[in-house]
């Protein structure tokens, strides 16, 4: 039990500092106590729970959503972008790209090895990066190129090159399609020196940044632009698939699902992806909520960048309203 005189002193100092807004120097002069002692006693007042702080997350709804998602899933970080449902798609992408770019610039260090996937969200990240940053890092693809007619700005090589240019760092590009027509072609490529140079870095990734695919939006032009073949897409839709990362598919619990392209694809494995310290999923749309949840459950994501509407959709599925 703390002596009564000490307790009174702590309460008095806390009142002067937090309620009357006196500085530590003013309290020191008023009470005749060294300023360093005042600082120590203020910390003790917190430790003894004489002073308690609460953060009103409700004042900023995105902060509340970030806190809820981070705590529920035990994620390293969550960034919720305040994008309105009436925003045009390009505004959505700009806001997502800006959030992803700022986060990447915050965590990147010299000698990082950074892997990227393809897609509009990742292209937006590359576009929003500040080119004043200089890092001795290496950027590389985690998946090959598209099988269909994908807009060049969304190609993984374009994204990797643009990010490396902005960061003034090195890059490696992949000269192979993601999906081969035959397993034998894939087997031949994985024996090549060029493939093995890139694939060796997949075991050393420190940062992985990727989009998340979902069969719920498989009719999108970007999905068709990557996978190309309608029969192939239909086959994927008939599997118990919640989503994919770099064309590695998983079910609603995050378990890996083997598909008709599993042995014909050039890409990182989901187990290799888990090696990265930062596994940053950049994804939005309420249709992707299931895929995002599944990716988190599988341990493929520990940092989520998404929009307010998507975050609300995820939380509604996890914690249904009363």
Protein backbone atom coordinates (compact mmCIF):
# COMPACT_ATOMS: atom_id res chain seq x y z
CA UNK A 1 0.00 0.00 0.00
CA UNK A 2 1.35 3.41 -0.97
CA UNK A 3 1.84 5.85 1.96
CA UNK A 4 -0.96 8.41 2.17
CA UNK A 5 1.40 11.41 1.88
CA UNK A 6 2.93 10.06 -1.34
CA UNK A 7 -0.52 9.31 -2.77
CA UNK A 8 -1.65 12.89 -2.04
CA UNK A 9 1.50 14.25 -3.69
CA UNK A 10 0.94 12.19 -6.84
CA UNK A 11 -2.70 13.32 -7.05
CA UNK A 12 -1.69 16.96 -6.50
CA UNK A 13 0.96 16.86 -9.23
CA UNK A 14 -1.43 15.08 -11.63
CA UNK A 15 -4.10 17.74 -11.02
CA UNK A 16 -1.67 20.59 -11.62
CA UNK A 17 -0.33 19.02 -14.81
CA UNK A 18 -3.42 17.48 -16.45
CA UNK A 19 -6.27 19.64 -15.11
CA UNK A 20 -4.64 23.05 -14.55
CA UNK A 21 -2.24 22.70 -17.53
CA UNK A 22 0.86 23.80 -15.59
CA UNK A 23 4.20 22.85 -17.10
CA UNK A 24 6.59 20.58 -15.24
CA UNK A 25 8.85 23.59 -14.66
CA UNK A 26 5.96 25.57 -13.12
CA UNK A 27 5.00 22.64 -10.87
CA UNK A 28 8.65 22.33 -9.82
CA UNK A 29 8.77 26.00 -8.81
CA UNK A 30 5.36 25.86 -7.06
CA UNK A 31 6.14 22.75 -4.98
CA UNK A 32 9.87 23.19 -4.59
CA UNK A 33 10.64 19.81 -6.15
CA UNK A 34 13.23 19.13 -8.86
CA UNK A 35 11.77 19.08 -12.37
CA UNK A 36 13.24 15.60 -13.03
CA UNK A 37 11.39 14.37 -9.93
CA UNK A 38 8.13 15.85 -11.24
CA UNK A 39 8.58 13.91 -14.50
CA UNK A 40 9.23 10.70 -12.57
CA UNK A 41 6.19 11.20 -10.32
CA UNK A 42 3.91 11.86 -13.31
CA UNK A 43 4.97 8.51 -14.77
CA UNK A 44 4.33 6.88 -11.40
CA UNK A 45 0.85 8.43 -11.33
CA UNK A 46 0.14 6.60 -14.59
CA UNK A 47 1.59 3.35 -13.30
CA UNK A 48 -0.56 3.57 -10.15
CA UNK A 49 -3.61 4.28 -12.35
CA UNK A 50 -4.17 7.64 -10.67
CA UNK A 51 -4.16 8.97 -14.23
CA UNK A 52 -5.81 6.96 -17.02
CA UNK A 53 -5.88 7.78 -20.72
CA UNK A 54 -8.55 6.77 -23.20
CA UNK A 55 -8.48 7.34 -26.93
CA UNK A 56 -11.85 8.16 -28.47
CA UNK A 57 -11.58 6.20 -31.68
CA UNK A 58 -15.22 6.96 -32.49
CA UNK A 59 -14.22 10.49 -33.51
CA UNK A 60 -12.44 8.98 -36.50
CA UNK A 61 -14.31 6.02 -37.92
CA UNK A 62 -11.40 4.73 -39.98
CA UNK A 63 -9.21 4.63 -36.85
CA UNK A 64 -11.88 2.60 -35.07
CA UNK A 65 -12.11 0.18 -38.00
CA UNK A 66 -8.30 -0.17 -38.07
CA UNK A 67 -8.24 -0.90 -34.35
CA UNK A 68 -11.05 -3.47 -34.57
CA UNK A 69 -9.50 -5.36 -37.50
CA UNK A 70 -6.00 -5.23 -36.04
CA UNK A 71 -7.14 -6.58 -32.67
CA UNK A 72 -9.53 -9.21 -34.06
CA UNK A 73 -6.99 -10.75 -36.44
CA UNK A 74 -3.81 -9.89 -34.45
CA UNK A 75 -2.41 -8.11 -37.52
CA UNK A 76 0.81 -6.12 -37.57
CA UNK A 77 -0.91 -3.12 -39.17
CA UNK A 78 -4.20 -2.10 -40.76
CA UNK A 79 -4.73 0.99 -42.89
CA UNK A 80 -8.31 1.89 -43.78
CA UNK A 81 -8.69 4.44 -46.55
CA UNK A 82 -11.59 6.86 -46.23
CA UNK A 83 -12.94 6.33 -49.75
CA UNK A 84 -16.59 7.10 -50.37
CA UNK A 85 -18.87 4.74 -52.26
CA UNK A 86 -19.70 7.52 -54.71
CA UNK A 87 -16.03 8.06 -55.54
CA UNK A 88 -15.08 7.07 -59.06
CA UNK A 89 -12.92 3.96 -59.40
CA UNK A 90 -9.83 5.97 -60.30
CA UNK A 91 -10.24 8.04 -57.11
CA UNK A 92 -10.52 4.81 -55.12
CA UNK A 93 -7.30 3.56 -56.69
CA UNK A 94 -5.46 6.84 -56.09
CA UNK A 95 -6.36 6.77 -52.40
CA UNK A 96 -5.40 3.11 -52.07
CA UNK A 97 -2.18 3.70 -53.96
CA UNK A 98 -1.27 6.67 -51.79
CA UNK A 99 -1.83 4.66 -48.60
CA UNK A 100 0.22 1.74 -49.91
CA UNK A 101 3.03 3.99 -51.12
CA UNK A 102 3.29 5.85 -47.80
CA UNK A 103 3.34 2.60 -45.86
CA UNK A 104 6.01 1.09 -48.08
CA UNK A 105 8.16 4.20 -47.79
CA UNK A 106 7.77 4.09 -44.00
CA UNK A 107 8.95 0.51 -43.54
CA UNK A 108 11.52 0.04 -46.32
CA UNK A 109 15.18 -0.18 -45.34
CA UNK A 110 18.40 -0.68 -47.25
CA UNK A 111 18.93 -4.26 -48.45
CA UNK A 112 15.24 -5.16 -48.32
CA UNK A 113 14.05 -7.67 -50.91
CA UNK A 114 10.57 -6.66 -52.05
CA UNK A 115 8.22 -8.85 -54.05
CA UNK A 116 5.19 -7.62 -56.01
CA UNK A 117 2.17 -9.11 -57.71
CA UNK A 118 0.23 -7.65 -60.64
CA UNK A 119 -2.95 -5.60 -60.70
CA UNK A 120 -4.53 -2.15 -60.57
CA UNK A 121 -3.98 -1.61 -56.83
CA UNK A 122 -0.26 -2.35 -57.08
CA UNK A 123 0.05 -0.14 -60.15
CA UNK A 124 -1.52 2.66 -58.11
CA UNK A 125 1.04 2.13 -55.33
CA UNK A 126 3.89 2.46 -57.83
CA UNK A 127 2.35 5.61 -59.28
CA UNK A 128 1.99 7.29 -55.88
CA UNK A 129 5.53 6.61 -54.61
CA UNK A 130 7.73 9.61 -53.87
CA UNK A 131 10.81 9.51 -56.10
CA UNK A 132 12.91 11.38 -53.54
CA UNK A 133 13.45 8.13 -51.61
CA UNK A 134 16.78 6.36 -52.21
CA UNK A 135 17.15 2.80 -50.95
CA UNK A 136 19.64 0.00 -51.56
CA UNK A 137 16.84 -2.50 -52.04
CA UNK A 138 15.86 -5.07 -54.66
CA UNK A 139 12.42 -5.27 -56.29
CA UNK A 140 11.21 -8.35 -58.15
CA UNK A 141 8.06 -10.12 -59.38
CA UNK A 142 6.38 -12.90 -57.43
CA UNK A 143 4.48 -14.18 -60.45
CA UNK A 144 4.90 -14.33 -64.21
CA UNK A 145 3.06 -12.30 -66.84
CA UNK A 146 -0.58 -12.57 -67.98
CA UNK A 147 -2.01 -15.24 -70.22
CA UNK A 148 -4.59 -12.85 -71.68
CA UNK A 149 -4.67 -9.23 -72.78
CA UNK A 150 -3.87 -7.33 -69.59
CA UNK A 151 -3.31 -3.57 -69.70
CA UNK A 152 0.46 -3.08 -69.63
CA UNK A 153 0.38 -0.73 -66.63
CA UNK A 154 -0.99 -3.59 -64.50
CA UNK A 155 1.72 -6.06 -65.59
CA UNK A 156 3.96 -7.18 -62.73
CA UNK A 157 7.13 -6.22 -64.64
CA UNK A 158 5.80 -2.69 -65.17
CA UNK A 159 4.99 -2.37 -61.48
CA UNK A 160 8.38 -3.71 -60.37
CA UNK A 161 10.25 -1.44 -62.77
CA UNK A 162 8.24 1.65 -61.76
CA UNK A 163 8.70 1.01 -58.04
CA UNK A 164 12.44 0.45 -58.45
CA UNK A 165 12.72 3.64 -60.50
CA UNK A 166 10.94 5.67 -57.83
CA UNK A 167 13.01 4.15 -55.02
CA UNK A 168 16.27 4.40 -57.02
CA UNK A 169 16.99 0.73 -56.34
CA UNK A 170 17.67 -2.45 -58.31
CA UNK A 171 15.07 -4.61 -59.99
CA UNK A 172 14.78 -8.01 -61.62
CA UNK A 173 12.09 -8.72 -64.22
CA UNK A 174 10.52 -12.01 -65.19
CA UNK A 175 10.46 -12.97 -68.88
CA UNK A 176 7.96 -15.81 -68.50
CA UNK A 177 4.17 -16.00 -68.63
CA UNK A 178 2.51 -16.92 -65.35
CA UNK A 179 0.51 -19.80 -66.83
CA UNK A 180 2.02 -22.25 -69.30
CA UNK A 181 0.01 -24.40 -71.66
CA UNK A 182 1.70 -27.59 -70.52
CA UNK A 183 3.36 -28.78 -67.32
CA UNK A 184 6.39 -29.84 -69.37
CA UNK A 185 6.97 -26.22 -70.42
CA UNK A 186 6.82 -25.11 -66.81
CA UNK A 187 9.25 -27.86 -65.78
CA UNK A 188 11.70 -26.70 -68.44
CA UNK A 189 11.51 -23.05 -67.34
CA UNK A 190 12.11 -23.79 -63.67
CA UNK A 191 15.43 -25.36 -64.64
CA UNK A 192 16.62 -22.17 -66.35
CA UNK A 193 19.23 -19.89 -64.82
CA UNK A 194 16.99 -16.82 -65.19
CA UNK A 195 14.11 -18.43 -63.30
CA UNK A 196 16.33 -19.71 -60.52
CA UNK A 197 17.96 -16.31 -60.08
CA UNK A 198 14.57 -14.78 -59.31
CA UNK A 199 13.10 -17.75 -57.43
CA UNK A 200 16.10 -17.86 -55.08
CA UNK A 201 15.05 -14.44 -53.76
CA UNK A 202 11.55 -15.68 -52.93
CA UNK A 203 13.11 -17.45 -49.93
CA UNK A 204 14.68 -14.16 -48.81
CA UNK A 205 11.75 -11.76 -49.13
CA UNK A 206 11.49 -9.15 -46.40
CA UNK A 207 8.50 -7.32 -47.88
CA UNK A 208 5.75 -8.77 -50.07
CA UNK A 209 3.09 -6.46 -51.51
CA UNK A 210 0.22 -7.98 -53.42
CA UNK A 211 -3.40 -7.76 -54.46
CA UNK A 212 -6.02 -10.35 -53.63
CA UNK A 213 -8.15 -12.02 -56.27
CA UNK A 214 -11.67 -13.28 -55.80
CA UNK A 215 -13.92 -15.51 -57.88
CA UNK A 216 -16.79 -13.24 -56.81
CA UNK A 217 -15.51 -10.71 -59.34
CA UNK A 218 -14.19 -13.20 -61.86
CA UNK A 219 -16.20 -11.50 -64.60
CA UNK A 220 -14.05 -8.37 -64.31
CA UNK A 221 -12.00 -7.31 -67.32
CA UNK A 222 -8.78 -7.37 -65.29
CA UNK A 223 -9.36 -10.99 -64.17
CA UNK A 224 -10.06 -12.05 -67.75
CA UNK A 225 -7.08 -10.00 -68.91
CA UNK A 226 -4.79 -12.08 -66.71
CA UNK A 227 -6.26 -15.57 -67.06
CA UNK A 228 -7.50 -15.17 -70.60
CA UNK A 229 -9.21 -18.52 -71.12
CA UNK A 230 -12.96 -18.58 -70.28
CA UNK A 231 -12.89 -22.36 -69.79
CA UNK A 232 -10.00 -21.94 -67.37
CA UNK A 233 -11.91 -19.31 -65.38
CA UNK A 234 -15.02 -21.50 -65.29
CA UNK A 235 -12.94 -24.38 -63.91
CA UNK A 236 -11.62 -22.11 -61.15
CA UNK A 237 -15.12 -20.94 -60.29
CA UNK A 238 -16.22 -24.56 -59.77
CA UNK A 239 -13.57 -25.11 -57.08
CA UNK A 240 -14.09 -24.26 -53.35
CA UNK A 241 -12.01 -21.12 -53.79
CA UNK A 242 -12.31 -17.98 -51.65
CA UNK A 243 -9.50 -16.10 -53.35
CA UNK A 244 -5.95 -16.08 -54.62
CA UNK A 245 -2.62 -14.34 -54.16
CA UNK A 246 -0.25 -14.49 -57.13
CA UNK A 247 -2.53 -17.20 -58.61
CA UNK A 248 -2.10 -19.44 -55.59
CA UNK A 249 -5.64 -20.30 -54.53
CA UNK A 250 -7.09 -20.88 -51.06
CA UNK A 251 -10.46 -21.77 -49.54
CA UNK A 252 -12.52 -19.86 -46.97
CA UNK A 253 -10.34 -21.13 -44.11
CA UNK A 254 -7.13 -20.13 -45.88
CA UNK A 255 -6.19 -23.68 -46.86
CA UNK A 256 -4.38 -24.08 -50.18
CA UNK A 257 -6.54 -25.35 -53.06
CA UNK A 258 -4.93 -27.19 -55.95
CA UNK A 259 -6.35 -26.26 -59.34
CA UNK A 260 -5.93 -27.18 -62.99
CA UNK A 261 -3.17 -24.58 -63.27
CA UNK A 262 -1.25 -25.42 -60.08
CA UNK A 263 1.42 -27.44 -61.90
CA UNK A 264 1.59 -25.11 -64.91
CA UNK A 265 2.24 -21.79 -63.22
CA UNK A 266 5.35 -19.69 -62.58
CA UNK A 267 4.92 -18.01 -59.21
CA UNK A 268 5.86 -17.87 -55.57
CA UNK A 269 4.23 -20.41 -53.24
CA UNK A 270 2.09 -19.28 -50.33
CA UNK A 271 4.53 -20.92 -47.92
CA UNK A 272 7.38 -18.89 -49.41
CA UNK A 273 5.23 -15.78 -49.10
CA UNK A 274 5.00 -16.33 -45.35
CA UNK A 275 8.76 -15.85 -45.04
CA UNK A 276 8.41 -12.09 -45.57
CA UNK A 277 8.38 -9.95 -42.44
CA UNK A 278 5.78 -7.66 -44.00
CA UNK A 279 3.03 -9.37 -46.02
CA UNK A 280 0.97 -6.46 -47.29
CA UNK A 281 -2.40 -7.17 -48.86
CA UNK A 282 -3.71 -4.22 -50.86
CA UNK A 283 -7.33 -4.97 -51.71
CA UNK A 284 -10.78 -3.40 -51.70
CA UNK A 285 -14.40 -4.07 -52.66
CA UNK A 286 -17.11 -5.72 -50.64
CA UNK A 287 -17.02 -8.66 -53.07
CA UNK A 288 -13.48 -9.38 -51.87
CA UNK A 289 -14.35 -9.43 -48.16
CA UNK A 290 -14.45 -13.26 -48.07
CA UNK A 291 -11.13 -13.51 -49.89
CA UNK A 292 -9.45 -11.00 -47.57
CA UNK A 293 -10.69 -12.83 -44.46
CA UNK A 294 -9.49 -16.16 -45.86
CA UNK A 295 -6.07 -14.72 -46.74
CA UNK A 296 -5.68 -13.44 -43.18
CA UNK A 297 -6.80 -16.77 -41.70
CA UNK A 298 -4.21 -18.53 -43.85
CA UNK A 299 -1.47 -16.28 -42.46
CA UNK A 300 -0.68 -14.82 -45.87
CA UNK A 301 -1.40 -11.25 -44.74
CA UNK A 302 -0.15 -9.43 -41.66
CA UNK A 303 -0.69 -5.91 -43.01
CA UNK A 304 -3.99 -4.95 -44.64
CA UNK A 305 -4.62 -1.84 -46.73
CA UNK A 306 -8.27 -1.48 -47.68
CA UNK A 307 -11.18 0.94 -47.87
CA UNK A 308 -13.76 1.93 -45.27
CA UNK A 309 -16.59 0.10 -47.03
CA UNK A 310 -14.54 -3.09 -47.35
CA UNK A 311 -13.46 -2.95 -43.70
CA UNK A 312 -17.09 -2.53 -42.62
CA UNK A 313 -18.11 -5.48 -44.79
CA UNK A 314 -15.40 -7.66 -43.22
CA UNK A 315 -16.42 -6.71 -39.69
CA UNK A 316 -20.12 -7.29 -40.47
CA UNK A 317 -19.27 -10.86 -41.44
CA UNK A 318 -17.18 -11.36 -38.33
CA UNK A 319 -19.42 -9.54 -35.87
CA UNK A 320 -23.00 -9.42 -37.22
CA UNK A 321 -24.99 -6.37 -36.04
CA UNK A 322 -27.52 -6.87 -33.23
